[in-house]
Amino acid sequence: MSEIAKKIRDRSLFNEPLSKYTSWKVGGPADTFFAPDNRDELSQFLKSNHDKPITWLGNGTNVLVRDGGIRGSVISTKKSLNKIKMEAENSCRVEAGASCMDLALFAEKNQLGPAAFFSGIPGSIGGALTMNAGSFGMETWDLVKEVEVINEKGDISFIEKESFDIAYRTVTFPFRLWFLSCSMFLSSDEETTKDNLIKLRNQRIKTQPISEDTCGSVFKNPPGNFAGALIERSGLKGFKIGSASISEQHANFIVNEGGATARDIENLINHTRQVVKKNYDIDLQPEVRIMGEKK
């Protein structure tokens, strides 16, 4: 057995509770859970996965893992593949496991921009690429030049931005893949400053429940409207199912008050959609990805 194969065997976890890895602190077990140290380990794991279903988990924000857990293999890059480095003038290489806040701080340190908006995205770069995450009027793919990806056979390649169909909170892939890194253009003409970051941080503290257990925004904003405003006008602020409640601070956030189940949260999501549909004939679309099996 090779050294890499031994490391994969020794570090693979079985029936691992995913509540430990999600920002909502809910989620049943993964059949197999693996966190690679590097690309070689990740590639080898995928090559030896034997066609089991694969689920990728970054920082665990913007996902709801159901109480029955996830069958097959769950891969986490939260503690690896998290480097950011200059690639060329005004260009940097950002690995998928790096947090969006790390990128904002990197841009501030190197006097590059406009990247302050990443401080408002509570997840990893891999997750931001997957859903074209955004905040404060900008989106992730606005800055992307190319991406490094890996397929289910463990093969790594580089793909230009033009190979993807990109829209609001939506990215369509040319084939089944996961992101390892991306090359981003950050101009020195639009610097990310400490003042930018402090201003945006203070705005988030004032308007969002960032100290509580949430996933970030639950719903996409419908065209010409705001999900939070529709939910608030429907009188749902503070509404609870079990220990899951709609935030009193921002209605597009659902809070785990302690002891909530994924079922509580999913039922609250569905109830919110039904009420807004009845009141405004608008079908709110979840921004959060719901995955796994019901218990």
C-alpha atoms as a PDB file:
ATOM      1  CA  MET A   1       0.000   0.000   0.000  1.00  0.00           C
ATOM      2  CA  SER A   2       1.385   3.423  -0.975  1.00  0.00           C
ATOM      3  CA  GLU A   3       2.024   6.162   1.584  1.00  0.00           C
ATOM      4  CA  ILE A   4      -0.838   8.253   0.160  1.00  0.00           C
ATOM      5  CA  ALA A   5      -3.209   5.276   0.301  1.00  0.00           C
ATOM      6  CA  LYS A   6      -2.292   4.713   3.963  1.00  0.00           C
ATOM      7  CA  LYS A   7      -2.988   8.359   4.792  1.00  0.00           C
ATOM      8  CA  ILE A   8      -6.355   8.182   3.027  1.00  0.00           C
ATOM      9  CA  ARG A   9      -7.284   5.013   4.920  1.00  0.00           C
ATOM     10  CA  ASP A  10      -6.177   6.384   8.292  1.00  0.00           C
ATOM     11  CA  ARG A  11      -7.932   9.739   7.924  1.00  0.00           C
ATOM     12  CA  SER A  12     -11.199   8.552   6.408  1.00  0.00           C
ATOM     13  CA  LEU A  13     -14.013   8.878   8.958  1.00  0.00           C
ATOM     14  CA  PHE A  14     -17.136   6.721   8.859  1.00  0.00           C
ATOM     15  CA  ASN A  15     -20.658   7.709   9.986  1.00  0.00           C
ATOM     16  CA  GLU A  16     -19.254  11.139  10.793  1.00  0.00           C
ATOM     17  CA  PRO A  17     -21.898  13.654  12.033  1.00  0.00           C
ATOM     18  CA  LEU A  18     -22.012  16.539   9.571  1.00  0.00           C
ATOM     19  CA  SER A  19     -23.506  18.853  12.194  1.00  0.00           C
ATOM     20  CA  LYS A  20     -19.862  19.412  13.211  1.00  0.00           C
ATOM     21  CA  TYR A  21     -19.115  20.938   9.814  1.00  0.00           C
ATOM     22  CA  THR A  22     -22.136  23.127   9.002  1.00  0.00           C
ATOM     23  CA  SER A  23     -22.799  26.684  10.149  1.00  0.00           C
ATOM     24  CA  TRP A  24     -26.395  25.772  11.095  1.00  0.00           C
ATOM     25  CA  LYS A  25     -24.947  22.984  13.300  1.00  0.00           C
ATOM     26  CA  VAL A  26     -27.398  20.418  11.929  1.00  0.00           C
ATOM     27  CA  GLY A  27     -27.000  17.400   9.690  1.00  0.00           C
ATOM     28  CA  GLY A  28     -26.900  13.630   9.939  1.00  0.00           C
ATOM     29  CA  PRO A  29     -23.884  11.391   9.292  1.00  0.00           C
ATOM     30  CA  ALA A  30     -21.769  10.971   6.173  1.00  0.00           C
ATOM     31  CA  ASP A  31     -21.072   7.374   5.171  1.00  0.00           C
ATOM     32  CA  THR A  32     -17.455   8.403   4.540  1.00  0.00           C
ATOM     33  CA  PHE A  33     -15.892  11.775   5.391  1.00  0.00           C
ATOM     34  CA  PHE A  34     -12.476  12.756   4.038  1.00  0.00           C
ATOM     35  CA  ALA A  35     -10.460  15.969   4.359  1.00  0.00           C
ATOM     36  CA  PRO A  36      -7.407  15.874   2.042  1.00  0.00           C
ATOM     37  CA  ASP A  37      -4.146  17.588   2.875  1.00  0.00           C
ATOM     38  CA  ASN A  38      -3.254  18.291  -0.757  1.00  0.00           C
ATOM     39  CA  ARG A  39      -4.195  17.711  -4.396  1.00  0.00           C
ATOM     40  CA  ASP A  40      -2.410  14.351  -4.615  1.00  0.00           C
ATOM     41  CA  GLU A  41      -4.434  12.935  -1.712  1.00  0.00           C
ATOM     42  CA  LEU A  42      -7.655  14.337  -3.136  1.00  0.00           C
ATOM     43  CA  SER A  43      -6.946  12.918  -6.594  1.00  0.00           C
ATOM     44  CA  GLN A  44      -6.053   9.506  -5.172  1.00  0.00           C
ATOM     45  CA  PHE A  45      -9.176   9.449  -2.998  1.00  0.00           C
ATOM     46  CA  LEU A  46     -11.391  10.151  -6.011  1.00  0.00           C
ATOM     47  CA  LYS A  47      -9.613   7.492  -8.085  1.00  0.00           C
ATOM     48  CA  SER A  48     -10.283   4.932  -5.334  1.00  0.00           C
ATOM     49  CA  ASN A  49     -13.855   6.035  -4.600  1.00  0.00           C
ATOM     50  CA  HIS A  50     -15.348   3.270  -6.786  1.00  0.00           C
ATOM     51  CA  ASP A  51     -18.242   5.335  -8.177  1.00  0.00           C
ATOM     52  CA  LYS A  52     -19.745   6.147  -4.789  1.00  0.00           C
ATOM     53  CA  PRO A  53     -21.782   9.397  -4.760  1.00  0.00           C
ATOM     54  CA  ILE A  54     -19.598  12.418  -3.941  1.00  0.00           C
ATOM     55  CA  THR A  55     -20.651  15.527  -2.030  1.00  0.00           C
ATOM     56  CA  TRP A  56     -18.307  18.488  -1.595  1.00  0.00           C
ATOM     57  CA  LEU A  57     -18.405  20.539   1.598  1.00  0.00           C
ATOM     58  CA  GLY A  58     -16.457  23.757   2.093  1.00  0.00           C
ATOM     59  CA  ASN A  59     -17.057  26.020   5.082  1.00  0.00           C
ATOM     60  CA  GLY A  60     -20.511  24.491   5.579  1.00  0.00           C
ATOM     61  CA  THR A  61     -22.372  27.752   5.004  1.00  0.00           C
ATOM     62  CA  ASN A  62     -25.251  28.047   2.571  1.00  0.00           C
ATOM     63  CA  VAL A  63     -26.057  24.319   2.912  1.00  0.00           C
ATOM     64  CA  LEU A  64     -28.705  22.395   4.805  1.00  0.00           C
ATOM     65  CA  VAL A  65     -27.764  18.771   5.432  1.00  0.00           C
ATOM     66  CA  ARG A  66     -30.855  16.755   6.261  1.00  0.00           C
ATOM     67  CA  ASP A  67     -31.071  14.695   9.461  1.00  0.00           C
ATOM     68  CA  GLY A  68     -30.647  11.357   7.654  1.00  0.00           C
ATOM     69  CA  GLY A  69     -27.199  12.386   6.469  1.00  0.00           C
ATOM     70  CA  ILE A  70     -25.431  11.866   3.155  1.00  0.00           C
ATOM     71  CA  ARG A  71     -24.763   8.553   1.438  1.00  0.00           C
ATOM     72  CA  GLY A  72     -21.451   7.966  -0.267  1.00  0.00           C
ATOM     73  CA  SER A  73     -18.412  10.177   0.288  1.00  0.00           C
ATOM     74  CA  VAL A  74     -18.253  13.721   1.641  1.00  0.00           C
ATOM     75  CA  ILE A  75     -15.064  15.673   0.903  1.00  0.00           C
ATOM     76  CA  SER A  76     -14.121  18.755   2.922  1.00  0.00           C
ATOM     77  CA  THR A  77     -11.442  21.253   1.903  1.00  0.00           C
ATOM     78  CA  LYS A  78     -12.054  23.632   4.806  1.00  0.00           C
ATOM     79  CA  LYS A  79      -8.644  22.954   6.385  1.00  0.00           C
ATOM     80  CA  SER A  80      -6.676  22.439   3.173  1.00  0.00           C
ATOM     81  CA  LEU A  81      -6.339  23.946  -0.280  1.00  0.00           C
ATOM     82  CA  ASN A  82      -6.710  27.322   1.405  1.00  0.00           C
ATOM     83  CA  LYS A  83      -3.770  29.352   0.095  1.00  0.00           C
ATOM     84  CA  ILE A  84      -3.873  32.737  -1.633  1.00  0.00           C
ATOM     85  CA  LYS A  85      -0.852  34.075  -3.522  1.00  0.00           C
ATOM     86  CA  MET A  86       0.020  36.666  -6.132  1.00  0.00           C
ATOM     87  CA  GLU A  87       0.218  35.128  -9.607  1.00  0.00           C
ATOM     88  CA  ALA A  88       1.099  38.166 -11.690  1.00  0.00           C
ATOM     89  CA  GLU A  89       0.600  41.908 -11.437  1.00  0.00           C
ATOM     90  CA  ASN A  90      -3.016  42.500 -10.386  1.00  0.00           C
ATOM     91  CA  SER A  91      -3.731  38.766 -10.464  1.00  0.00           C
ATOM     92  CA  CYS A  92      -3.872  36.220  -7.653  1.00  0.00           C
ATOM     93  CA  ARG A  93      -4.483  32.490  -7.325  1.00  0.00           C
ATOM     94  CA  VAL A  94      -7.099  31.655  -4.691  1.00  0.00           C
ATOM     95  CA  GLU A  95      -7.608  28.055  -3.556  1.00  0.00           C
ATOM     96  CA  ALA A  96     -11.126  26.749  -2.979  1.00  0.00           C
ATOM     97  CA  GLY A  97     -10.705  26.169   0.765  1.00  0.00           C
ATOM     98  CA  ALA A  98      -9.764  29.800   1.489  1.00  0.00           C
ATOM     99  CA  SER A  99     -12.516  31.799   3.152  1.00  0.00           C
ATOM    100  CA  CYS A 100     -14.025  34.780   1.394  1.00  0.00           C
ATOM    101  CA  MET A 101     -12.927  36.942   4.323  1.00  0.00           C
ATOM    102  CA  ASP A 102      -9.336  35.727   3.807  1.00  0.00           C
ATOM    103  CA  LEU A 103      -9.495  37.009   0.225  1.00  0.00           C
ATOM    104  CA  ALA A 104     -10.806  40.398   1.341  1.00  0.00           C
ATOM    105  CA  LEU A 105      -7.960  40.705   3.860  1.00  0.00           C
ATOM    106  CA  PHE A 106      -5.396  39.584   1.266  1.00  0.00           C
ATOM    107  CA  ALA A 107      -6.610  42.258  -1.139  1.00  0.00           C
ATOM    108  CA  GLU A 108      -6.416  44.908   1.595  1.00  0.00           C
ATOM    109  CA  LYS A 109      -2.870  43.854   2.515  1.00  0.00           C
ATOM    110  CA  ASN A 110      -1.711  43.972  -1.116  1.00  0.00           C
ATOM    111  CA  GLN A 111      -3.614  47.153  -1.995  1.00  0.00           C
ATOM    112  CA  LEU A 112      -5.808  45.449  -4.598  1.00  0.00           C
ATOM    113  CA  GLY A 113      -9.521  45.528  -5.312  1.00  0.00           C
ATOM    114  CA  PRO A 114     -12.426  45.624  -5.566  1.00  0.00           C
ATOM    115  CA  ALA A 115     -12.637  42.732  -3.106  1.00  0.00           C
ATOM    116  CA  ALA A 116     -14.139  44.263   0.038  1.00  0.00           C
ATOM    117  CA  PHE A 117     -17.500  42.680  -0.852  1.00  0.00           C
ATOM    118  CA  PHE A 118     -16.053  39.230  -0.108  1.00  0.00           C
ATOM    119  CA  SER A 119     -16.091  40.187   3.578  1.00  0.00           C
ATOM    120  CA  GLY A 120     -19.880  39.932   3.382  1.00  0.00           C
ATOM    121  CA  ILE A 121     -19.875  36.324   2.118  1.00  0.00           C
ATOM    122  CA  PRO A 122     -19.744  33.826   5.022  1.00  0.00           C
ATOM    123  CA  GLY A 123     -18.250  30.882   3.137  1.00  0.00           C
ATOM    124  CA  SER A 124     -15.298  29.553   1.158  1.00  0.00           C
ATOM    125  CA  ILE A 125     -14.138  30.537  -2.318  1.00  0.00           C
ATOM    126  CA  GLY A 126     -15.126  27.102  -3.613  1.00  0.00           C
ATOM    127  CA  GLY A 127     -18.680  27.639  -2.445  1.00  0.00           C
ATOM    128  CA  ALA A 128     -18.694  31.197  -3.780  1.00  0.00           C
ATOM    129  CA  LEU A 129     -17.623  29.929  -7.208  1.00  0.00           C
ATOM    130  CA  THR A 130     -20.251  27.174  -7.181  1.00  0.00           C
ATOM    131  CA  MET A 131     -23.172  29.545  -6.640  1.00  0.00           C
ATOM    132  CA  ASN A 132     -21.727  32.878  -7.850  1.00  0.00           C
ATOM    133  CA  ALA A 133     -22.058  34.270  -4.340  1.00  0.00           C
ATOM    134  CA  GLY A 134     -22.167  38.000  -3.916  1.00  0.00           C
ATOM    135  CA  SER A 135     -22.823  40.887  -1.558  1.00  0.00           C
ATOM    136  CA  PHE A 136     -23.000  44.664  -1.590  1.00  0.00           C
ATOM    137  CA  GLY A 137     -23.714  44.743  -5.337  1.00  0.00           C
ATOM    138  CA  MET A 138     -20.882  42.546  -6.623  1.00  0.00           C
ATOM    139  CA  GLU A 139     -20.549  38.854  -7.478  1.00  0.00           C
ATOM    140  CA  THR A 140     -17.690  36.347  -7.328  1.00  0.00           C
ATOM    141  CA  TRP A 141     -17.421  35.651 -11.052  1.00  0.00           C
ATOM    142  CA  ASP A 142     -17.060  39.378 -11.807  1.00  0.00           C
ATOM    143  CA  LEU A 143     -13.354  38.924 -10.964  1.00  0.00           C
ATOM    144  CA  VAL A 144     -12.631  35.374 -12.182  1.00  0.00           C
ATOM    145  CA  LYS A 145     -10.355  34.720 -15.192  1.00  0.00           C
ATOM    146  CA  GLU A 146     -10.008  30.930 -15.098  1.00  0.00           C
ATOM    147  CA  VAL A 147     -10.563  28.059 -12.696  1.00  0.00           C
ATOM    148  CA  GLU A 148      -8.679  24.928 -11.713  1.00  0.00           C
ATOM    149  CA  VAL A 149     -11.051  21.960 -11.385  1.00  0.00           C
ATOM    150  CA  ILE A 150     -11.039  18.261 -10.607  1.00  0.00           C
ATOM    151  CA  ASN A 151     -13.467  15.663 -11.952  1.00  0.00           C
ATOM    152  CA  GLU A 152     -14.865  12.540 -10.321  1.00  0.00           C
ATOM    153  CA  LYS A 153     -11.989  10.454 -11.740  1.00  0.00           C
ATOM    154  CA  GLY A 154      -9.444  12.646  -9.974  1.00  0.00           C
ATOM    155  CA  ASP A 155      -8.182  14.394 -13.135  1.00  0.00           C
ATOM    156  CA  ILE A 156      -7.184  18.064 -12.742  1.00  0.00           C
ATOM    157  CA  SER A 157      -7.566  20.680 -15.489  1.00  0.00           C
ATOM    158  CA  PHE A 158      -7.773  24.438 -16.047  1.00  0.00           C
ATOM    159  CA  ILE A 159     -10.865  25.952 -17.666  1.00  0.00           C
ATOM    160  CA  GLU A 160     -11.553  29.459 -18.925  1.00  0.00           C
ATOM    161  CA  LYS A 161     -14.413  31.487 -17.453  1.00  0.00           C
ATOM    162  CA  GLU A 162     -16.221  31.431 -20.801  1.00  0.00           C
ATOM    163  CA  SER A 163     -16.877  27.679 -20.450  1.00  0.00           C
ATOM    164  CA  PHE A 164     -19.442  28.369 -17.700  1.00  0.00           C
ATOM    165  CA  ASP A 165     -22.935  29.840 -17.923  1.00  0.00           C
ATOM    166  CA  ILE A 166     -23.066  32.393 -15.109  1.00  0.00           C
ATOM    167  CA  ALA A 167     -26.129  34.169 -13.746  1.00  0.00           C
ATOM    168  CA  TYR A 168     -27.435  35.564 -10.461  1.00  0.00           C
ATOM    169  CA  ARG A 169     -26.542  32.979  -7.762  1.00  0.00           C
ATOM    170  CA  THR A 170     -26.316  30.322 -10.474  1.00  0.00           C
ATOM    171  CA  VAL A 171     -23.434  28.663 -12.328  1.00  0.00           C
ATOM    172  CA  THR A 172     -23.912  25.933 -14.952  1.00  0.00           C
ATOM    173  CA  PHE A 173     -20.921  23.613 -15.360  1.00  0.00           C
ATOM    174  CA  PRO A 174     -19.656  22.125 -18.665  1.00  0.00           C
ATOM    175  CA  PHE A 175     -19.267  18.714 -16.925  1.00  0.00           C
ATOM    176  CA  ARG A 176     -19.358  17.291 -13.399  1.00  0.00           C
ATOM    177  CA  LEU A 177     -16.534  19.015 -11.523  1.00  0.00           C
ATOM    178  CA  TRP A 178     -15.378  20.634  -8.307  1.00  0.00           C
ATOM    179  CA  PHE A 179     -13.268  23.766  -7.919  1.00  0.00           C
ATOM    180  CA  LEU A 180      -9.703  23.609  -6.606  1.00  0.00           C
ATOM    181  CA  SER A 181      -8.686  27.230  -7.214  1.00  0.00           C
ATOM    182  CA  CYS A 182      -9.310  30.243  -9.401  1.00  0.00           C
ATOM    183  CA  SER A 183      -7.301  33.030 -10.928  1.00  0.00           C
ATOM    184  CA  MET A 184      -8.749  36.458 -10.149  1.00  0.00           C
ATOM    185  CA  PHE A 185      -8.008  39.878 -11.575  1.00  0.00           C
ATOM    186  CA  LEU A 186      -7.782  42.477  -8.801  1.00  0.00           C
ATOM    187  CA  SER A 187      -6.975  45.976  -9.981  1.00  0.00           C
ATOM    188  CA  SER A 188      -4.638  48.302  -8.106  1.00  0.00           C
ATOM    189  CA  ASP A 189      -6.902  51.138  -9.287  1.00  0.00           C
ATOM    190  CA  GLU A 190      -9.696  50.018  -6.933  1.00  0.00           C
ATOM    191  CA  GLU A 191      -8.011  49.257  -3.630  1.00  0.00           C
ATOM    192  CA  THR A 192      -9.640  47.328  -0.814  1.00  0.00           C
ATOM    193  CA  THR A 193      -8.971  49.466   2.265  1.00  0.00           C
ATOM    194  CA  LYS A 194      -9.354  48.938   5.996  1.00  0.00           C
ATOM    195  CA  ASP A 195     -11.994  51.649   5.969  1.00  0.00           C
ATOM    196  CA  ASN A 196     -13.966  49.645   3.350  1.00  0.00           C
ATOM    197  CA  LEU A 197     -13.790  46.500   5.456  1.00  0.00           C
ATOM    198  CA  ILE A 198     -14.697  48.258   8.697  1.00  0.00           C
ATOM    199  CA  LYS A 199     -17.652  50.019   7.045  1.00  0.00           C
ATOM    200  CA  LEU A 200     -19.007  46.780   5.579  1.00  0.00           C
ATOM    201  CA  ARG A 201     -18.403  44.882   8.821  1.00  0.00           C
ATOM    202  CA  ASN A 202     -20.328  47.494  10.792  1.00  0.00           C
ATOM    203  CA  GLN A 203     -23.146  47.371   8.249  1.00  0.00           C
ATOM    204  CA  ARG A 204     -23.376  43.568   8.585  1.00  0.00           C
ATOM    205  CA  ILE A 205     -23.350  43.756  12.397  1.00  0.00           C
ATOM    206  CA  LYS A 206     -26.164  46.289  12.273  1.00  0.00           C
ATOM    207  CA  THR A 207     -28.350  44.433   9.769  1.00  0.00           C
ATOM    208  CA  GLN A 208     -27.528  40.701  10.007  1.00  0.00           C
ATOM    209  CA  PRO A 209     -27.461  38.110  12.846  1.00  0.00           C
ATOM    210  CA  ILE A 210     -23.789  37.270  12.248  1.00  0.00           C
ATOM    211  CA  SER A 211     -23.190  36.118  15.839  1.00  0.00           C
ATOM    212  CA  GLU A 212     -25.919  33.454  15.627  1.00  0.00           C
ATOM    213  CA  ASP A 213     -26.047  30.030  13.966  1.00  0.00           C
ATOM    214  CA  THR A 214     -27.317  30.696  10.434  1.00  0.00           C
ATOM    215  CA  CYS A 215     -26.354  29.677   6.908  1.00  0.00           C
ATOM    216  CA  GLY A 216     -26.279  33.207   5.509  1.00  0.00           C
ATOM    217  CA  SER A 217     -29.130  34.328   3.246  1.00  0.00           C
ATOM    218  CA  VAL A 218     -31.748  31.612   2.791  1.00  0.00           C
ATOM    219  CA  PHE A 219     -33.523  32.878  -0.349  1.00  0.00           C
ATOM    220  CA  LYS A 220     -32.454  34.536  -3.573  1.00  0.00           C
ATOM    221  CA  ASN A 221     -33.801  38.026  -4.138  1.00  0.00           C
ATOM    222  CA  PRO A 222     -36.589  37.874  -6.754  1.00  0.00           C
ATOM    223  CA  PRO A 223     -36.250  40.253  -9.728  1.00  0.00           C
ATOM    224  CA  GLY A 224     -37.010  43.796  -8.620  1.00  0.00           C
ATOM    225  CA  ASN A 225     -37.579  42.848  -5.001  1.00  0.00           C
ATOM    226  CA  PHE A 226     -35.911  41.667  -1.798  1.00  0.00           C
ATOM    227  CA  ALA A 227     -36.640  38.326  -0.155  1.00  0.00           C
ATOM    228  CA  GLY A 228     -36.126  39.735   3.347  1.00  0.00           C
ATOM    229  CA  ALA A 229     -38.605  42.551   2.757  1.00  0.00           C
ATOM    230  CA  LEU A 230     -41.274  40.163   1.424  1.00  0.00           C
ATOM    231  CA  ILE A 231     -40.849  37.867   4.418  1.00  0.00           C
ATOM    232  CA  GLU A 232     -40.937  40.757   6.870  1.00  0.00           C
ATOM    233  CA  ARG A 233     -44.057  42.261   5.275  1.00  0.00           C
ATOM    234  CA  SER A 234     -45.666  38.831   5.593  1.00  0.00           C
ATOM    235  CA  GLY A 235     -45.336  39.170   9.370  1.00  0.00           C
ATOM    236  CA  LEU A 236     -42.921  36.245   9.686  1.00  0.00           C
ATOM    237  CA  LYS A 237     -40.088  37.834  11.663  1.00  0.00           C
ATOM    238  CA  GLY A 238     -39.634  35.750  14.793  1.00  0.00           C
ATOM    239  CA  PHE A 239     -41.844  32.915  13.515  1.00  0.00           C
ATOM    240  CA  LYS A 240     -40.622  29.556  14.823  1.00  0.00           C
ATOM    241  CA  ILE A 241     -40.848  25.887  14.034  1.00  0.00           C
ATOM    242  CA  GLY A 242     -39.192  23.847  16.751  1.00  0.00           C
ATOM    243  CA  SER A 243     -35.962  25.636  17.649  1.00  0.00           C
ATOM    244  CA  ALA A 244     -35.586  27.249  14.221  1.00  0.00           C
ATOM    245  CA  SER A 245     -36.758  30.846  13.868  1.00  0.00           C
ATOM    246  CA  ILE A 246     -36.807  33.622  11.303  1.00  0.00           C
ATOM    247  CA  SER A 247     -34.371  36.255  12.516  1.00  0.00           C
ATOM    248  CA  GLU A 248     -35.808  39.363  14.157  1.00  0.00           C
ATOM    249  CA  GLN A 249     -32.833  41.277  12.747  1.00  0.00           C
ATOM    250  CA  HIS A 250     -33.050  40.232   9.080  1.00  0.00           C
ATOM    251  CA  ALA A 251     -35.960  38.164   7.771  1.00  0.00           C
ATOM    252  CA  ASN A 252     -33.878  36.385   5.108  1.00  0.00           C
ATOM    253  CA  PHE A 253     -31.949  34.555   7.829  1.00  0.00           C
ATOM    254  CA  ILE A 254     -33.070  31.482   9.749  1.00  0.00           C
ATOM    255  CA  VAL A 255     -31.505  30.978  13.185  1.00  0.00           C
ATOM    256  CA  ASN A 256     -30.843  27.727  14.998  1.00  0.00           C
ATOM    257  CA  GLU A 257     -31.706  28.852  18.504  1.00  0.00           C
ATOM    258  CA  GLY A 258     -30.173  25.677  19.936  1.00  0.00           C
ATOM    259  CA  GLY A 259     -31.289  22.122  19.323  1.00  0.00           C
ATOM    260  CA  ALA A 260     -33.030  22.736  15.994  1.00  0.00           C
ATOM    261  CA  THR A 261     -33.135  19.851  13.543  1.00  0.00           C
ATOM    262  CA  ALA A 262     -32.669  20.065   9.808  1.00  0.00           C
ATOM    263  CA  ARG A 263     -36.330  19.085   9.553  1.00  0.00           C
ATOM    264  CA  ASP A 264     -37.311  22.162  11.629  1.00  0.00           C
ATOM    265  CA  ILE A 265     -35.316  24.399   9.298  1.00  0.00           C
ATOM    266  CA  GLU A 266     -36.593  22.821   6.091  1.00  0.00           C
ATOM    267  CA  ASN A 267     -40.192  23.033   7.317  1.00  0.00           C
ATOM    268  CA  LEU A 268     -39.644  26.718   8.132  1.00  0.00           C
ATOM    269  CA  ILE A 269     -38.208  27.312   4.653  1.00  0.00           C
ATOM    270  CA  ASN A 270     -41.240  25.651   3.061  1.00  0.00           C
ATOM    271  CA  HIS A 271     -43.692  27.547   5.292  1.00  0.00           C
ATOM    272  CA  THR A 272     -42.043  30.859   4.429  1.00  0.00           C
ATOM    273  CA  ARG A 273     -42.293  30.130   0.714  1.00  0.00           C
ATOM    274  CA  GLN A 274     -45.976  29.236   1.038  1.00  0.00           C
ATOM    275  CA  VAL A 275     -46.862  32.413   2.953  1.00  0.00           C
ATOM    276  CA  VAL A 276     -44.991  34.733   0.563  1.00  0.00           C
ATOM    277  CA  LYS A 277     -46.530  32.949  -2.438  1.00  0.00           C
ATOM    278  CA  LYS A 278     -50.013  33.406  -0.953  1.00  0.00           C
ATOM    279  CA  ASN A 279     -49.452  37.070  -0.075  1.00  0.00           C
ATOM    280  CA  TYR A 280     -47.521  38.295  -3.125  1.00  0.00           C
ATOM    281  CA  ASP A 281     -47.746  35.519  -5.748  1.00  0.00           C
ATOM    282  CA  ILE A 282     -43.944  35.350  -5.709  1.00  0.00           C
ATOM    283  CA  ASP A 283     -42.250  31.957  -5.502  1.00  0.00           C
ATOM    284  CA  LEU A 284     -39.126  32.494  -3.426  1.00  0.00           C
ATOM    285  CA  GLN A 285     -36.198  30.365  -4.625  1.00  0.00           C
ATOM    286  CA  PRO A 286     -33.823  29.000  -1.976  1.00  0.00           C
ATOM    287  CA  GLU A 287     -30.260  30.222  -2.139  1.00  0.00           C
ATOM    288  CA  VAL A 288     -29.304  27.548   0.385  1.00  0.00           C
ATOM    289  CA  ARG A 289     -28.556  24.098  -1.043  1.00  0.00           C
ATOM    290  CA  ILE A 290     -30.564  21.315   0.613  1.00  0.00           C
ATOM    291  CA  MET A 291     -28.875  17.919   0.502  1.00  0.00           C
ATOM    292  CA  GLY A 292     -28.989  14.462   2.031  1.00  0.00           C
ATOM    293  CA  GLU A 293     -31.751  12.172   3.199  1.00  0.00           C
ATOM    294  CA  LYS A 294     -34.675  12.829   5.502  1.00  0.00           C
ATOM    295  CA  LYS A 295     -34.728  10.876   8.744  1.00  0.00           C
END
